[in-house]
Amino acid sequence: MPHLARGHAVVIGAGMAGLAAAQALSRHFVKVTVLERDILPDEPVPRSGTPQAQHAHMLLAGGLNALQTLFPGFEHDLTDAGAVKIRTGKDIRLERPGFDPFPIRDLGFDIFWM
């Protein structure tokens, strides 16, 4: 029988952080409950409880690696949901006054634009 302190974990919020936390906790607790005030949609659409959901987001390589560890196949799920893979250094250009022009070069990793 598992230790009582590791029997049940509760996570508040079903956003990216809450779901990632719930997945990480599921390896250490018998049961994990996620509490969310919104009704979760079946497809990737903005929710009323997440006002920042309607503007563009980028997922950097470190975050992608961490989420791939928690959710195998996460990168494929992102592309299936409409995220665009961007090759850092080639598909996006950074310009700053006094440092132009930045050379276009492949930095060796991908990020996602959502």
PDB file of N, CA and C in Angstrom:
ATOM      1  N   MET A   1       0.847  -1.190   0.000  1.00  0.00           N
ATOM      2  CA  MET A   1       0.000   0.000   0.000  1.00  0.00           C
ATOM      3  C   MET A   1       0.887   1.245   0.000  1.00  0.00           C
ATOM      4  N   PRO A   2       0.559   2.249  -0.842  1.00  0.00           N
ATOM      5  CA  PRO A   2       1.376   3.460  -0.899  1.00  0.00           C
ATOM      6  C   PRO A   2       1.260   4.279   0.373  1.00  0.00           C
ATOM      7  N   HIS A   3       2.273   5.093   0.628  1.00  0.00           N
ATOM      8  CA  HIS A   3       2.261   6.001   1.766  1.00  0.00           C
ATOM      9  C   HIS A   3       1.086   6.957   1.600  1.00  0.00           C
ATOM     10  N   LEU A   4       0.389   7.286   2.696  1.00  0.00           N
ATOM     11  CA  LEU A   4      -0.804   8.135   2.616  1.00  0.00           C
ATOM     12  C   LEU A   4      -0.517   9.513   2.039  1.00  0.00           C
ATOM     13  N   ALA A   5       0.668  10.057   2.312  1.00  0.00           N
ATOM     14  CA  ALA A   5       1.008  11.382   1.801  1.00  0.00           C
ATOM     15  C   ALA A   5       1.151  11.367   0.283  1.00  0.00           C
ATOM     16  N   ARG A   6       1.318  10.205  -0.298  1.00  0.00           N
ATOM     17  CA  ARG A   6       1.463  10.097  -1.746  1.00  0.00           C
ATOM     18  C   ARG A   6       0.262   9.438  -2.383  1.00  0.00           C
ATOM     19  N   GLY A   7      -0.845   9.466  -1.708  1.00  0.00           N
ATOM     20  CA  GLY A   7      -2.048   8.839  -2.236  1.00  0.00           C
ATOM     21  C   GLY A   7      -2.781   9.706  -3.239  1.00  0.00           C
ATOM     22  N   HIS A   8      -2.898  11.022  -2.959  1.00  0.00           N
ATOM     23  CA  HIS A   8      -3.731  11.881  -3.799  1.00  0.00           C
ATOM     24  C   HIS A   8      -3.138  13.288  -3.854  1.00  0.00           C
ATOM     25  N   ALA A   9      -2.957  13.800  -5.082  1.00  0.00           N
ATOM     26  CA  ALA A   9      -2.485  15.172  -5.284  1.00  0.00           C
ATOM     27  C   ALA A   9      -3.585  15.954  -5.988  1.00  0.00           C
ATOM     28  N   VAL A  10      -3.692  17.233  -5.671  1.00  0.00           N
ATOM     29  CA  VAL A  10      -4.671  18.110  -6.310  1.00  0.00           C
ATOM     30  C   VAL A  10      -3.929  19.262  -6.965  1.00  0.00           C
ATOM     31  N   VAL A  11      -4.239  19.519  -8.245  1.00  0.00           N
ATOM     32  CA  VAL A  11      -3.656  20.614  -9.007  1.00  0.00           C
ATOM     33  C   VAL A  11      -4.781  21.575  -9.351  1.00  0.00           C
ATOM     34  N   ILE A  12      -4.556  22.859  -9.118  1.00  0.00           N
ATOM     35  CA  ILE A  12      -5.568  23.871  -9.435  1.00  0.00           C
ATOM     36  C   ILE A  12      -5.192  24.535 -10.749  1.00  0.00           C
ATOM     37  N   GLY A  13      -6.047  24.364 -11.744  1.00  0.00           N
ATOM     38  CA  GLY A  13      -5.846  24.974 -13.054  1.00  0.00           C
ATOM     39  C   GLY A  13      -5.417  23.972 -14.107  1.00  0.00           C
ATOM     40  N   ALA A  14      -6.116  23.990 -15.250  1.00  0.00           N
ATOM     41  CA  ALA A  14      -5.827  23.063 -16.336  1.00  0.00           C
ATOM     42  C   ALA A  14      -5.161  23.765 -17.515  1.00  0.00           C
ATOM     43  N   GLY A  15      -4.391  24.818 -17.223  1.00  0.00           N
ATOM     44  CA  GLY A  15      -3.588  25.445 -18.264  1.00  0.00           C
ATOM     45  C   GLY A  15      -2.339  24.611 -18.499  1.00  0.00           C
ATOM     46  N   MET A  16      -1.413  25.162 -19.279  1.00  0.00           N
ATOM     47  CA  MET A  16      -0.189  24.407 -19.572  1.00  0.00           C
ATOM     48  C   MET A  16       0.573  24.032 -18.305  1.00  0.00           C
ATOM     49  N   ALA A  17       0.703  24.975 -17.384  1.00  0.00           N
ATOM     50  CA  ALA A  17       1.455  24.696 -16.153  1.00  0.00           C
ATOM     51  C   ALA A  17       0.746  23.658 -15.301  1.00  0.00           C
ATOM     52  N   GLY A  18      -0.557  23.777 -15.160  1.00  0.00           N
ATOM     53  CA  GLY A  18      -1.307  22.821 -14.349  1.00  0.00           C
ATOM     54  C   GLY A  18      -1.275  21.415 -14.909  1.00  0.00           C
ATOM     55  N   LEU A  19      -1.440  21.287 -16.227  1.00  0.00           N
ATOM     56  CA  LEU A  19      -1.422  19.957 -16.836  1.00  0.00           C
ATOM     57  C   LEU A  19      -0.026  19.340 -16.802  1.00  0.00           C
ATOM     58  N   ALA A  20       1.005  20.172 -16.982  1.00  0.00           N
ATOM     59  CA  ALA A  20       2.372  19.656 -16.880  1.00  0.00           C
ATOM     60  C   ALA A  20       2.660  19.216 -15.441  1.00  0.00           C
ATOM     61  N   ALA A  21       2.211  20.008 -14.473  1.00  0.00           N
ATOM     62  CA  ALA A  21       2.400  19.631 -13.065  1.00  0.00           C
ATOM     63  C   ALA A  21       1.665  18.336 -12.746  1.00  0.00           C
ATOM     64  N   ALA A  22       0.442  18.202 -13.239  1.00  0.00           N
ATOM     65  CA  ALA A  22      -0.335  16.983 -12.989  1.00  0.00           C
ATOM     66  C   ALA A  22       0.363  15.757 -13.583  1.00  0.00           C
ATOM     67  N   GLN A  23       0.913  15.906 -14.783  1.00  0.00           N
ATOM     68  CA  GLN A  23       1.629  14.784 -15.403  1.00  0.00           C
ATOM     69  C   GLN A  23       2.864  14.416 -14.595  1.00  0.00           C
ATOM     70  N   ALA A  24       3.615  15.423 -14.144  1.00  0.00           N
ATOM     71  CA  ALA A  24       4.810  15.152 -13.337  1.00  0.00           C
ATOM     72  C   ALA A  24       4.417  14.483 -12.014  1.00  0.00           C
ATOM     73  N   LEU A  25       3.351  14.954 -11.393  1.00  0.00           N
ATOM     74  CA  LEU A  25       2.893  14.372 -10.124  1.00  0.00           C
ATOM     75  C   LEU A  25       2.366  12.954 -10.286  1.00  0.00           C
ATOM     76  N   SER A  26       1.833  12.638 -11.464  1.00  0.00           N
ATOM     77  CA  SER A  26       1.238  11.314 -11.680  1.00  0.00           C
ATOM     78  C   SER A  26       2.256  10.185 -11.538  1.00  0.00           C
ATOM     79  N   ARG A  27       3.533  10.505 -11.625  1.00  0.00           N
ATOM     80  CA  ARG A  27       4.579   9.497 -11.449  1.00  0.00           C
ATOM     81  C   ARG A  27       4.843   9.202  -9.976  1.00  0.00           C
ATOM     82  N   HIS A  28       4.310  10.059  -9.091  1.00  0.00           N
ATOM     83  CA  HIS A  28       4.602   9.930  -7.667  1.00  0.00           C
ATOM     84  C   HIS A  28       3.365   9.750  -6.792  1.00  0.00           C
ATOM     85  N   PHE A  29       2.184   9.945  -7.360  1.00  0.00           N
ATOM     86  CA  PHE A  29       0.941   9.825  -6.595  1.00  0.00           C
ATOM     87  C   PHE A  29       0.025   8.805  -7.258  1.00  0.00           C
ATOM     88  N   VAL A  30      -0.754   8.120  -6.431  1.00  0.00           N
ATOM     89  CA  VAL A  30      -1.697   7.136  -6.939  1.00  0.00           C
ATOM     90  C   VAL A  30      -2.789   7.814  -7.758  1.00  0.00           C
ATOM     91  N   LYS A  31      -3.246   8.978  -7.291  1.00  0.00           N
ATOM     92  CA  LYS A  31      -4.333   9.690  -7.960  1.00  0.00           C
ATOM     93  C   LYS A  31      -3.990  11.177  -8.031  1.00  0.00           C
ATOM     94  N   VAL A  32      -4.266  11.801  -9.180  1.00  0.00           N
ATOM     95  CA  VAL A  32      -4.075  13.237  -9.356  1.00  0.00           C
ATOM     96  C   VAL A  32      -5.386  13.820  -9.871  1.00  0.00           C
ATOM     97  N   THR A  33      -5.891  14.840  -9.190  1.00  0.00           N
ATOM     98  CA  THR A  33      -7.120  15.518  -9.596  1.00  0.00           C
ATOM     99  C   THR A  33      -6.770  16.930 -10.039  1.00  0.00           C
ATOM    100  N   VAL A  34      -7.269  17.336 -11.212  1.00  0.00           N
ATOM    101  CA  VAL A  34      -7.065  18.689 -11.725  1.00  0.00           C
ATOM    102  C   VAL A  34      -8.385  19.434 -11.600  1.00  0.00           C
ATOM    103  N   LEU A  35      -8.375  20.554 -10.881  1.00  0.00           N
ATOM    104  CA  LEU A  35      -9.566  21.386 -10.732  1.00  0.00           C
ATOM    105  C   LEU A  35      -9.475  22.550 -11.706  1.00  0.00           C
ATOM    106  N   GLU A  36     -10.538  22.772 -12.486  1.00  0.00           N
ATOM    107  CA  GLU A  36     -10.569  23.857 -13.467  1.00  0.00           C
ATOM    108  C   GLU A  36     -11.954  24.462 -13.477  1.00  0.00           C
ATOM    109  N   ARG A  37     -12.037  25.787 -13.455  1.00  0.00           N
ATOM    110  CA  ARG A  37     -13.337  26.452 -13.430  1.00  0.00           C
ATOM    111  C   ARG A  37     -13.988  26.519 -14.809  1.00  0.00           C
ATOM    112  N   ASP A  38     -13.189  26.524 -15.875  1.00  0.00           N
ATOM    113  CA  ASP A  38     -13.747  26.569 -17.229  1.00  0.00           C
ATOM    114  C   ASP A  38     -14.116  25.169 -17.702  1.00  0.00           C
ATOM    115  N   ILE A  39     -15.051  25.098 -18.626  1.00  0.00           N
ATOM    116  CA  ILE A  39     -15.330  23.849 -19.325  1.00  0.00           C
ATOM    117  C   ILE A  39     -14.278  23.741 -20.429  1.00  0.00           C
ATOM    118  N   LEU A  40     -13.544  22.647 -20.441  1.00  0.00           N
ATOM    119  CA  LEU A  40     -12.465  22.502 -21.410  1.00  0.00           C
ATOM    120  C   LEU A  40     -13.028  22.135 -22.782  1.00  0.00           C
ATOM    121  N   PRO A  41     -12.592  22.849 -23.829  1.00  0.00           N
ATOM    122  CA  PRO A  41     -13.078  22.552 -25.178  1.00  0.00           C
ATOM    123  C   PRO A  41     -12.422  21.286 -25.739  1.00  0.00           C
ATOM    124  N   ASP A  42     -13.053  20.732 -26.764  1.00  0.00           N
ATOM    125  CA  ASP A  42     -12.511  19.530 -27.405  1.00  0.00           C
ATOM    126  C   ASP A  42     -11.399  19.847 -28.393  1.00  0.00           C
ATOM    127  N   GLU A  43     -11.346  21.077 -28.879  1.00  0.00           N
ATOM    128  CA  GLU A  43     -10.315  21.471 -29.841  1.00  0.00           C
ATOM    129  C   GLU A  43      -9.523  22.653 -29.290  1.00  0.00           C
ATOM    130  N   PRO A  44      -8.373  22.965 -29.895  1.00  0.00           N
ATOM    131  CA  PRO A  44      -7.542  24.070 -29.389  1.00  0.00           C
ATOM    132  C   PRO A  44      -8.143  25.436 -29.736  1.00  0.00           C
ATOM    133  N   VAL A  45      -8.886  26.001 -28.805  1.00  0.00           N
ATOM    134  CA  VAL A  45      -9.482  27.331 -28.969  1.00  0.00           C
ATOM    135  C   VAL A  45      -9.238  28.124 -27.688  1.00  0.00           C
ATOM    136  N   PRO A  46      -9.190  29.460 -27.779  1.00  0.00           N
ATOM    137  CA  PRO A  46      -9.002  30.281 -26.575  1.00  0.00           C
ATOM    138  C   PRO A  46     -10.146  30.062 -25.577  1.00  0.00           C
ATOM    139  N   ARG A  47      -9.809  30.102 -24.281  1.00  0.00           N
ATOM    140  CA  ARG A  47     -10.804  29.961 -23.218  1.00  0.00           C
ATOM    141  C   ARG A  47     -10.989  31.293 -22.508  1.00  0.00           C
ATOM    142  N   SER A  48     -12.157  31.506 -21.955  1.00  0.00           N
ATOM    143  CA  SER A  48     -12.446  32.769 -21.268  1.00  0.00           C
ATOM    144  C   SER A  48     -11.568  32.970 -20.032  1.00  0.00           C
ATOM    145  N   GLY A  49     -11.132  31.904 -19.404  1.00  0.00           N
ATOM    146  CA  GLY A  49     -10.296  32.006 -18.208  1.00  0.00           C
ATOM    147  C   GLY A  49      -8.834  32.267 -18.494  1.00  0.00           C
ATOM    148  N   THR A  50      -8.450  32.314 -19.754  1.00  0.00           N
ATOM    149  CA  THR A  50      -7.061  32.568 -20.125  1.00  0.00           C
ATOM    150  C   THR A  50      -7.016  33.736 -21.112  1.00  0.00           C
ATOM    151  N   PRO A  51      -7.047  34.975 -20.600  1.00  0.00           N
ATOM    152  CA  PRO A  51      -7.109  36.137 -21.491  1.00  0.00           C
ATOM    153  C   PRO A  51      -5.901  36.268 -22.414  1.00  0.00           C
ATOM    154  N   GLN A  52      -4.759  35.706 -22.043  1.00  0.00           N
ATOM    155  CA  GLN A  52      -3.566  35.784 -22.881  1.00  0.00           C
ATOM    156  C   GLN A  52      -3.579  34.757 -24.009  1.00  0.00           C
ATOM    157  N   ALA A  53      -4.589  33.911 -24.068  1.00  0.00           N
ATOM    158  CA  ALA A  53      -4.601  32.819 -25.044  1.00  0.00           C
ATOM    159  C   ALA A  53      -4.733  33.289 -26.481  1.00  0.00           C
ATOM    160  N   GLN A  54      -5.237  34.501 -26.707  1.00  0.00           N
ATOM    161  CA  GLN A  54      -5.487  34.925 -28.077  1.00  0.00           C
ATOM    162  C   GLN A  54      -4.297  35.602 -28.741  1.00  0.00           C
ATOM    163  N   HIS A  55      -3.216  35.836 -28.037  1.00  0.00           N
ATOM    164  CA  HIS A  55      -2.070  36.410 -28.731  1.00  0.00           C
ATOM    165  C   HIS A  55      -1.017  35.332 -29.005  1.00  0.00           C
ATOM    166  N   ALA A  56      -0.103  35.651 -29.896  1.00  0.00           N
ATOM    167  CA  ALA A  56       0.883  34.663 -30.335  1.00  0.00           C
ATOM    168  C   ALA A  56       1.807  34.250 -29.192  1.00  0.00           C
ATOM    169  N   HIS A  57       2.225  33.003 -29.225  1.00  0.00           N
ATOM    170  CA  HIS A  57       3.146  32.458 -28.242  1.00  0.00           C
ATOM    171  C   HIS A  57       4.256  31.715 -28.965  1.00  0.00           C
ATOM    172  N   MET A  58       5.408  31.650 -28.323  1.00  0.00           N
ATOM    173  CA  MET A  58       6.505  30.828 -28.813  1.00  0.00           C
ATOM    174  C   MET A  58       6.878  29.837 -27.728  1.00  0.00           C
ATOM    175  N   LEU A  59       7.169  28.637 -28.138  1.00  0.00           N
ATOM    176  CA  LEU A  59       7.673  27.618 -27.226  1.00  0.00           C
ATOM    177  C   LEU A  59       9.136  27.393 -27.591  1.00  0.00           C
ATOM    178  N   LEU A  60      10.022  27.741 -26.680  1.00  0.00           N
ATOM    179  CA  LEU A  60      11.452  27.630 -26.937  1.00  0.00           C
ATOM    180  C   LEU A  60      11.922  26.193 -26.761  1.00  0.00           C
ATOM    181  N   ALA A  61      13.130  25.928 -27.211  1.00  0.00           N
ATOM    182  CA  ALA A  61      13.655  24.565 -27.255  1.00  0.00           C
ATOM    183  C   ALA A  61      13.682  23.893 -25.880  1.00  0.00           C
ATOM    184  N   GLY A  62      14.070  24.625 -24.831  1.00  0.00           N
ATOM    185  CA  GLY A  62      14.112  24.032 -23.492  1.00  0.00           C
ATOM    186  C   GLY A  62      12.741  23.603 -23.004  1.00  0.00           C
ATOM    187  N   GLY A  63      11.735  24.456 -23.256  1.00  0.00           N
ATOM    188  CA  GLY A  63      10.371  24.099 -22.883  1.00  0.00           C
ATOM    189  C   GLY A  63       9.856  22.915 -23.679  1.00  0.00           C
ATOM    190  N   LEU A  64      10.181  22.878 -24.957  1.00  0.00           N
ATOM    191  CA  LEU A  64       9.779  21.749 -25.798  1.00  0.00           C
ATOM    192  C   LEU A  64      10.399  20.455 -25.291  1.00  0.00           C
ATOM    193  N   ASN A  65      11.688  20.496 -24.957  1.00  0.00           N
ATOM    194  CA  ASN A  65      12.344  19.288 -24.437  1.00  0.00           C
ATOM    195  C   ASN A  65      11.706  18.816 -23.136  1.00  0.00           C
ATOM    196  N   ALA A  66      11.396  19.756 -22.249  1.00  0.00           N
ATOM    197  CA  ALA A  66      10.772  19.385 -20.973  1.00  0.00           C
ATOM    198  C   ALA A  66       9.381  18.781 -21.198  1.00  0.00           C
ATOM    199  N   LEU A  67       8.597  19.398 -22.078  1.00  0.00           N
ATOM    200  CA  LEU A  67       7.252  18.881 -22.339  1.00  0.00           C
ATOM    201  C   LEU A  67       7.287  17.548 -23.086  1.00  0.00           C
ATOM    202  N   GLN A  68       8.296  17.366 -23.950  1.00  0.00           N
ATOM    203  CA  GLN A  68       8.454  16.071 -24.633  1.00  0.00           C
ATOM    204  C   GLN A  68       8.752  14.967 -23.617  1.00  0.00           C
ATOM    205  N   THR A  69       9.494  15.300 -22.555  1.00  0.00           N
ATOM    206  CA  THR A  69       9.798  14.318 -21.519  1.00  0.00           C
ATOM    207  C   THR A  69       8.526  13.910 -20.775  1.00  0.00           C
ATOM    208  N   LEU A  70       7.690  14.899 -20.461  1.00  0.00           N
ATOM    209  CA  LEU A  70       6.446  14.611 -19.743  1.00  0.00           C
ATOM    210  C   LEU A  70       5.385  13.981 -20.641  1.00  0.00           C
ATOM    211  N   PHE A  71       5.315  14.441 -21.885  1.00  0.00           N
ATOM    212  CA  PHE A  71       4.283  14.002 -22.822  1.00  0.00           C
ATOM    213  C   PHE A  71       4.935  13.514 -24.115  1.00  0.00           C
ATOM    214  N   PRO A  72       5.325  12.247 -24.184  1.00  0.00           N
ATOM    215  CA  PRO A  72       5.930  11.740 -25.415  1.00  0.00           C
ATOM    216  C   PRO A  72       5.010  12.004 -26.619  1.00  0.00           C
ATOM    217  N   GLY A  73       5.599  12.471 -27.715  1.00  0.00           N
ATOM    218  CA  GLY A  73       4.813  12.807 -28.901  1.00  0.00           C
ATOM    219  C   GLY A  73       4.256  14.210 -28.888  1.00  0.00           C
ATOM    220  N   PHE A  74       4.658  15.026 -27.907  1.00  0.00           N
ATOM    221  CA  PHE A  74       4.120  16.380 -27.757  1.00  0.00           C
ATOM    222  C   PHE A  74       4.375  17.241 -28.992  1.00  0.00           C
ATOM    223  N   GLU A  75       5.561  17.107 -29.597  1.00  0.00           N
ATOM    224  CA  GLU A  75       5.890  17.900 -30.785  1.00  0.00           C
ATOM    225  C   GLU A  75       4.915  17.609 -31.924  1.00  0.00           C
ATOM    226  N   HIS A  76       4.556  16.351 -32.104  1.00  0.00           N
ATOM    227  CA  HIS A  76       3.595  15.997 -33.154  1.00  0.00           C
ATOM    228  C   HIS A  76       2.202  16.528 -32.822  1.00  0.00           C
ATOM    229  N   ASP A  77       1.845  16.508 -31.547  1.00  0.00           N
ATOM    230  CA  ASP A  77       0.552  17.069 -31.135  1.00  0.00           C
ATOM    231  C   ASP A  77       0.493  18.565 -31.426  1.00  0.00           C
ATOM    232  N   LEU A  78       1.607  19.270 -31.217  1.00  0.00           N
ATOM    233  CA  LEU A  78       1.651  20.701 -31.513  1.00  0.00           C
ATOM    234  C   LEU A  78       1.401  20.969 -32.992  1.00  0.00           C
ATOM    235  N   THR A  79       2.104  20.252 -33.856  1.00  0.00           N
ATOM    236  CA  THR A  79       1.930  20.482 -35.293  1.00  0.00           C
ATOM    237  C   THR A  79       0.526  20.088 -35.737  1.00  0.00           C
ATOM    238  N   ASP A  80      -0.023  19.018 -35.167  1.00  0.00           N
ATOM    239  CA  ASP A  80      -1.399  18.619 -35.496  1.00  0.00           C
ATOM    240  C   ASP A  80      -2.396  19.693 -35.086  1.00  0.00           C
ATOM    241  N   ALA A  81      -2.080  20.442 -34.013  1.00  0.00           N
ATOM    242  CA  ALA A  81      -2.981  21.499 -33.525  1.00  0.00           C
ATOM    243  C   ALA A  81      -2.771  22.824 -34.256  1.00  0.00           C
ATOM    244  N   GLY A  82      -1.796  22.889 -35.172  1.00  0.00           N
ATOM    245  CA  GLY A  82      -1.607  24.094 -35.968  1.00  0.00           C
ATOM    246  C   GLY A  82      -0.384  24.921 -35.630  1.00  0.00           C
ATOM    247  N   ALA A  83       0.454  24.474 -34.694  1.00  0.00           N
ATOM    248  CA  ALA A  83       1.677  25.217 -34.383  1.00  0.00           C
ATOM    249  C   ALA A  83       2.643  25.099 -35.560  1.00  0.00           C
ATOM    250  N   VAL A  84       3.436  26.132 -35.754  1.00  0.00           N
ATOM    251  CA  VAL A  84       4.385  26.181 -36.866  1.00  0.00           C
ATOM    252  C   VAL A  84       5.800  26.036 -36.315  1.00  0.00           C
ATOM    253  N   LYS A  85       6.540  25.065 -36.844  1.00  0.00           N
ATOM    254  CA  LYS A  85       7.930  24.868 -36.419  1.00  0.00           C
ATOM    255  C   LYS A  85       8.807  25.902 -37.120  1.00  0.00           C
ATOM    256  N   ILE A  86       9.650  26.569 -36.346  1.00  0.00           N
ATOM    257  CA  ILE A  86      10.548  27.594 -36.859  1.00  0.00           C
ATOM    258  C   ILE A  86      11.980  27.187 -36.522  1.00  0.00           C
ATOM    259  N   ARG A  87      12.853  27.222 -37.508  1.00  0.00           N
ATOM    260  CA  ARG A  87      14.270  26.918 -37.279  1.00  0.00           C
ATOM    261  C   ARG A  87      14.948  28.194 -36.781  1.00  0.00           C
ATOM    262  N   THR A  88      15.442  28.149 -35.559  1.00  0.00           N
ATOM    263  CA  THR A  88      16.041  29.326 -34.943  1.00  0.00           C
ATOM    264  C   THR A  88      17.285  29.763 -35.708  1.00  0.00           C
ATOM    265  N   GLY A  89      17.321  31.045 -36.012  1.00  0.00           N
ATOM    266  CA  GLY A  89      18.441  31.624 -36.723  1.00  0.00           C
ATOM    267  C   GLY A  89      18.260  31.672 -38.230  1.00  0.00           C
ATOM    268  N   LYS A  90      17.342  30.875 -38.764  1.00  0.00           N
ATOM    269  CA  LYS A  90      17.109  30.865 -40.209  1.00  0.00           C
ATOM    270  C   LYS A  90      15.720  31.397 -40.559  1.00  0.00           C
ATOM    271  N   ASP A  91      14.701  30.970 -39.818  1.00  0.00           N
ATOM    272  CA  ASP A  91      13.322  31.337 -40.138  1.00  0.00           C
ATOM    273  C   ASP A  91      12.842  32.582 -39.414  1.00  0.00           C
ATOM    274  N   ILE A  92      13.634  33.086 -38.492  1.00  0.00           N
ATOM    275  CA  ILE A  92      13.258  34.279 -37.735  1.00  0.00           C
ATOM    276  C   ILE A  92      14.494  35.176 -37.666  1.00  0.00           C
ATOM    277  N   ARG A  93      14.286  36.459 -37.757  1.00  0.00           N
ATOM    278  CA  ARG A  93      15.415  37.398 -37.767  1.00  0.00           C
ATOM    279  C   ARG A  93      15.279  38.381 -36.618  1.00  0.00           C
ATOM    280  N   LEU A  94      16.352  38.579 -35.891  1.00  0.00           N
ATOM    281  CA  LEU A  94      16.404  39.520 -34.791  1.00  0.00           C
ATOM    282  C   LEU A  94      17.168  40.750 -35.238  1.00  0.00           C
ATOM    283  N   GLU A  95      16.591  41.910 -35.014  1.00  0.00           N
ATOM    284  CA  GLU A  95      17.277  43.159 -35.355  1.00  0.00           C
ATOM    285  C   GLU A  95      17.272  44.062 -34.135  1.00  0.00           C
ATOM    286  N   ARG A  96      18.457  44.618 -33.818  1.00  0.00           N
ATOM    287  CA  ARG A  96      18.590  45.563 -32.709  1.00  0.00           C
ATOM    288  C   ARG A  96      19.462  46.715 -33.169  1.00  0.00           C
ATOM    289  N   PRO A  97      19.083  47.928 -32.825  1.00  0.00           N
ATOM    290  CA  PRO A  97      19.902  49.083 -33.221  1.00  0.00           C
ATOM    291  C   PRO A  97      21.334  48.945 -32.707  1.00  0.00           C
ATOM    292  N   GLY A  98      22.276  49.209 -33.587  1.00  0.00           N
ATOM    293  CA  GLY A  98      23.676  49.127 -33.220  1.00  0.00           C
ATOM    294  C   GLY A  98      24.291  47.751 -33.384  1.00  0.00           C
ATOM    295  N   PHE A  99      23.489  46.740 -33.644  1.00  0.00           N
ATOM    296  CA  PHE A  99      23.994  45.377 -33.794  1.00  0.00           C
ATOM    297  C   PHE A  99      23.678  44.806 -35.165  1.00  0.00           C
ATOM    298  N   ASP A 100      23.136  45.611 -36.053  1.00  0.00           N
ATOM    299  CA  ASP A 100      22.725  45.110 -37.361  1.00  0.00           C
ATOM    300  C   ASP A 100      23.905  45.069 -38.316  1.00  0.00           C
ATOM    301  N   PRO A 101      23.893  44.231 -39.286  1.00  0.00           N
ATOM    302  CA  PRO A 101      22.903  43.158 -39.426  1.00  0.00           C
ATOM    303  C   PRO A 101      23.364  41.897 -38.697  1.00  0.00           C
ATOM    304  N   PHE A 102      22.427  41.202 -38.080  1.00  0.00           N
ATOM    305  CA  PHE A 102      22.720  39.905 -37.493  1.00  0.00           C
ATOM    306  C   PHE A 102      22.893  38.912 -38.641  1.00  0.00           C
ATOM    307  N   PRO A 103      23.894  38.071 -38.591  1.00  0.00           N
ATOM    308  CA  PRO A 103      24.043  37.093 -39.667  1.00  0.00           C
ATOM    309  C   PRO A 103      22.934  36.047 -39.604  1.00  0.00           C
ATOM    310  N   ILE A 104      22.495  35.612 -40.771  1.00  0.00           N
ATOM    311  CA  ILE A 104      21.510  34.533 -40.829  1.00  0.00           C
ATOM    312  C   ILE A 104      22.277  33.225 -40.760  1.00  0.00           C
ATOM    313  N   ARG A 105      22.055  32.466 -39.693  1.00  0.00           N
ATOM    314  CA  ARG A 105      22.739  31.183 -39.531  1.00  0.00           C
ATOM    315  C   ARG A 105      21.849  30.238 -38.743  1.00  0.00           C
ATOM    316  N   ASP A 106      22.016  28.984 -38.994  1.00  0.00           N
ATOM    317  CA  ASP A 106      21.255  27.951 -38.300  1.00  0.00           C
ATOM    318  C   ASP A 106      21.840  27.772 -36.906  1.00  0.00           C
ATOM    319  N   LEU A 107      21.035  28.018 -35.867  1.00  0.00           N
ATOM    320  CA  LEU A 107      21.510  27.896 -34.495  1.00  0.00           C
ATOM    321  C   LEU A 107      21.353  26.479 -33.945  1.00  0.00           C
ATOM    322  N   GLY A 108      20.774  25.585 -34.756  1.00  0.00           N
ATOM    323  CA  GLY A 108      20.764  24.166 -34.393  1.00  0.00           C
ATOM    324  C   GLY A 108      19.579  23.672 -33.599  1.00  0.00           C
ATOM    325  N   PHE A 109      18.528  24.477 -33.447  1.00  0.00           N
ATOM    326  CA  PHE A 109      17.346  23.972 -32.740  1.00  0.00           C
ATOM    327  C   PHE A 109      16.091  24.649 -33.261  1.00  0.00           C
ATOM    328  N   ASP A 110      14.972  24.012 -33.004  1.00  0.00           N
ATOM    329  CA  ASP A 110      13.668  24.498 -33.453  1.00  0.00           C
ATOM    330  C   ASP A 110      12.885  25.090 -32.301  1.00  0.00           C
ATOM    331  N   ILE A 111      11.992  26.019 -32.624  1.00  0.00           N
ATOM    332  CA  ILE A 111      11.003  26.527 -31.687  1.00  0.00           C
ATOM    333  C   ILE A 111       9.656  26.445 -32.373  1.00  0.00           C
ATOM    334  N   PHE A 112       8.592  26.640 -31.633  1.00  0.00           N
ATOM    335  CA  PHE A 112       7.250  26.596 -32.211  1.00  0.00           C
ATOM    336  C   PHE A 112       6.547  27.923 -32.036  1.00  0.00           C
ATOM    337  N   TRP A 113       5.872  28.367 -33.059  1.00  0.00           N
ATOM    338  CA  TRP A 113       5.044  29.570 -33.067  1.00  0.00           C
ATOM    339  C   TRP A 113       3.606  29.089 -33.015  1.00  0.00           C
ATOM    340  N   MET A 114       2.860  29.560 -32.003  1.00  0.00           N
ATOM    341  CA  MET A 114       1.480  29.106 -31.838  1.00  0.00           C
ATOM    342  C   MET A 114       0.547  30.278 -31.836  1.00  0.00           C
TER     343      MET A 114
END
